[in-house]
Amino acid sequence: MQFSKSTDYALHALIHLGHSERRNNIGIKELSTTLGVSESYLSKIMSKLRQDGIVRAVPGVNGGYELARSTDQITFLDVIQVIEGRQQLFECSNTSSQQHRLLAEEGAAQRDHECSGKSECLVEKVMNGAEQHLHQYLREHTIQSVLDMAFKRCNHEANKK
């Protein structure tokens, strides 16, 4: 599994906006320069984040983008799902194979000696479990948690000197 560069840029843009909360908003030119990405590409990413209510567009000459939610309310999962989509990561395409039927019959034989029609794909069960753990981990990490880690790192480095 690999996330797109768009997800990378979206997360970094939000961290930059979150770090700069003292200011009202940040223009697309400054954001694109900071991230090293073209304005047009970043505008498409920011538009997706705006449509989902993560950022707000501020119109006008001094306009730009600002966070629409607090940094502790924006999870990595929120951002990834906006950019990558909300589709399931794995779907079993092998439920009609001989191997799948043999596993289902063997499992049913060990349970009650009865085979009850359609059984779940055991590979899909493992993969769905992994996806649930990944989603939980990404839900636990917010833009604020990254800002907190950066702040702790800076303080730790300053205390070393």
Protein backbone atom coordinates (compact mmCIF):
# COMPACT_ATOMS: atom_id res chain seq x y z
CA MET A 1 0.00 0.00 0.00
CA GLN A 2 1.27 3.42 -0.88
CA PHE A 3 -0.29 6.82 -0.33
CA SER A 4 -0.05 9.42 -3.08
CA LYS A 5 2.09 12.55 -3.06
CA SER A 6 -1.19 14.48 -2.77
CA THR A 7 -1.71 13.01 0.70
CA ASP A 8 1.84 13.96 1.64
CA TYR A 9 1.32 17.56 0.48
CA ALA A 10 -2.12 17.79 2.11
CA LEU A 11 -0.78 16.69 5.51
CA HIS A 12 2.21 19.04 5.29
CA ALA A 13 0.01 21.95 4.19
CA LEU A 14 -2.30 21.37 7.16
CA ILE A 15 0.64 21.17 9.56
CA HIS A 16 1.94 24.46 8.12
CA LEU A 17 -1.50 26.07 8.53
CA GLY A 18 -1.77 24.67 12.06
CA HIS A 19 1.67 25.94 13.00
CA SER A 20 0.76 29.39 11.68
CA GLU A 21 -2.60 29.68 13.47
CA ARG A 22 -1.68 33.07 14.89
CA ARG A 23 -2.10 34.50 11.38
CA ASN A 24 -5.52 34.64 9.77
CA ASN A 25 -4.67 32.70 6.64
CA ILE A 26 -1.87 31.69 4.31
CA GLY A 27 -1.89 32.31 0.59
CA ILE A 28 -1.49 29.52 -1.93
CA LYS A 29 1.76 31.08 -3.19
CA GLU A 30 3.38 30.90 0.27
CA LEU A 31 2.07 27.38 0.86
CA SER A 32 3.33 26.14 -2.52
CA THR A 33 6.76 27.73 -1.97
CA THR A 34 7.02 26.23 1.52
CA LEU A 35 6.07 22.75 0.28
CA GLY A 36 8.00 22.96 -2.99
CA VAL A 37 4.98 22.12 -5.16
CA SER A 38 3.24 24.00 -7.96
CA GLU A 39 0.40 26.35 -7.05
CA SER A 40 -2.03 24.66 -9.44
CA TYR A 41 -1.36 21.18 -8.02
CA LEU A 42 -1.65 22.42 -4.45
CA SER A 43 -4.83 24.35 -5.30
CA LYS A 44 -6.50 21.09 -6.37
CA ILE A 45 -5.49 19.45 -3.08
CA MET A 46 -6.68 22.42 -1.03
CA SER A 47 -9.96 22.44 -2.94
CA LYS A 48 -10.62 18.83 -1.87
CA LEU A 49 -9.82 19.73 1.74
CA ARG A 50 -12.13 22.75 1.50
CA GLN A 51 -15.01 20.69 0.08
CA ASP A 52 -14.71 18.31 3.01
CA GLY A 53 -14.68 21.13 5.58
CA ILE A 54 -11.08 20.73 6.73
CA VAL A 55 -9.93 24.13 5.47
CA ARG A 56 -11.68 27.37 4.59
CA ALA A 57 -10.87 29.57 1.62
CA VAL A 58 -10.47 33.23 2.49
CA PRO A 59 -11.30 35.42 -0.53
CA GLY A 60 -9.64 38.69 -1.45
CA VAL A 61 -6.24 40.12 -2.27
CA ASN A 62 -4.79 38.94 1.04
CA GLY A 63 -6.82 35.73 0.97
CA GLY A 64 -5.67 32.18 1.19
CA TYR A 65 -6.53 29.20 3.32
CA GLU A 66 -7.09 28.67 7.01
CA LEU A 67 -8.10 25.66 9.06
CA ALA A 68 -11.85 25.17 9.37
CA ARG A 69 -11.39 22.90 12.41
CA SER A 70 -8.99 22.93 15.30
CA THR A 71 -5.77 21.00 14.83
CA ASP A 72 -6.81 18.38 17.38
CA GLN A 73 -9.97 17.69 15.36
CA ILE A 74 -8.19 16.88 12.08
CA THR A 75 -7.01 13.27 12.03
CA PHE A 76 -4.63 11.71 9.56
CA LEU A 77 -7.47 9.35 8.60
CA ASP A 78 -9.72 12.32 7.74
CA VAL A 79 -7.10 13.74 5.39
CA ILE A 80 -6.20 10.41 3.79
CA GLN A 81 -9.84 9.60 3.12
CA VAL A 82 -10.43 13.00 1.51
CA ILE A 83 -7.41 12.68 -0.77
CA GLU A 84 -7.28 8.93 -1.44
CA GLY A 85 -10.98 8.14 -1.16
CA ARG A 86 -12.94 6.05 1.27
CA GLN A 87 -12.81 2.71 -0.48
CA GLN A 88 -11.99 -0.53 1.27
CA LEU A 89 -8.30 -1.44 0.87
CA PHE A 90 -8.86 -5.14 0.19
CA GLU A 91 -11.67 -7.07 -1.40
CA CYS A 92 -11.62 -10.83 -1.84
CA SER A 93 -12.01 -11.74 -5.49
CA ASN A 94 -11.49 -15.43 -4.96
CA THR A 95 -14.66 -16.57 -3.15
CA SER A 96 -15.64 -18.95 -5.95
CA SER A 97 -12.27 -20.72 -6.12
CA GLN A 98 -11.76 -24.34 -5.15
CA GLN A 99 -9.33 -23.32 -2.40
CA HIS A 100 -11.89 -20.99 -0.83
CA ARG A 101 -14.55 -23.74 -0.86
CA LEU A 102 -12.13 -26.25 0.69
CA LEU A 103 -11.22 -23.81 3.50
CA ALA A 104 -14.90 -23.03 4.11
CA GLU A 105 -15.86 -26.73 4.18
CA GLU A 106 -12.94 -27.61 6.47
CA GLY A 107 -13.85 -24.76 8.83
CA ALA A 108 -17.50 -25.78 8.85
CA ALA A 109 -16.60 -29.43 9.43
CA GLN A 110 -14.52 -28.47 12.46
CA ARG A 111 -17.32 -26.23 13.83
CA ASP A 112 -20.52 -28.25 13.64
CA HIS A 113 -20.11 -30.65 10.77
CA GLU A 114 -22.48 -28.37 8.85
CA CYS A 115 -21.66 -26.13 5.92
CA SER A 116 -23.90 -23.09 5.96
CA GLY A 117 -23.96 -21.69 2.42
CA LYS A 118 -21.69 -18.69 1.94
CA SER A 119 -18.80 -18.37 4.34
CA GLU A 120 -16.45 -15.48 4.87
CA CYS A 121 -13.13 -15.32 3.08
CA LEU A 122 -10.44 -15.97 5.67
CA VAL A 123 -7.88 -13.90 3.75
CA GLU A 124 -10.33 -10.99 3.62
CA LYS A 125 -10.95 -11.36 7.36
CA VAL A 126 -7.22 -10.92 8.08
CA MET A 127 -6.89 -8.01 5.67
CA ASN A 128 -9.98 -6.25 7.09
CA GLY A 129 -8.54 -6.65 10.58
CA ALA A 130 -5.30 -5.02 9.44
CA GLU A 131 -7.25 -2.18 7.83
CA GLN A 132 -9.19 -1.61 11.06
CA HIS A 133 -5.94 -1.36 13.02
CA LEU A 134 -4.50 1.05 10.45
CA HIS A 135 -7.63 3.23 10.60
CA GLN A 136 -7.53 3.27 14.39
CA TYR A 137 -3.86 4.31 14.38
CA LEU A 138 -4.51 7.07 11.83
CA ARG A 139 -7.55 8.23 13.83
CA GLU A 140 -5.36 8.61 16.93
CA HIS A 141 -2.90 10.91 15.15
CA THR A 142 -3.96 14.48 14.49
CA ILE A 143 -2.36 17.58 13.07
CA GLN A 144 -1.98 18.74 16.68
CA SER A 145 -0.20 15.53 17.73
CA VAL A 146 2.44 16.17 15.05
CA LEU A 147 2.80 19.79 16.13
CA ASP A 148 3.20 18.59 19.73
CA MET A 149 5.91 16.12 18.68
CA ALA A 150 7.74 18.88 16.80
CA PHE A 151 7.48 21.19 19.81
CA LYS A 152 8.84 18.49 22.16
CA ARG A 153 11.68 17.75 19.74
CA CYS A 154 12.62 21.45 19.55
CA ASN A 155 12.53 21.79 23.34
CA HIS A 156 14.58 18.62 23.77
CA GLU A 157 17.20 19.89 21.29
CA ALA A 158 17.27 23.31 22.99
CA ASN A 159 17.79 21.68 26.40
CA LYS A 160 20.75 19.67 25.06
CA LYS A 161 22.67 22.84 24.25
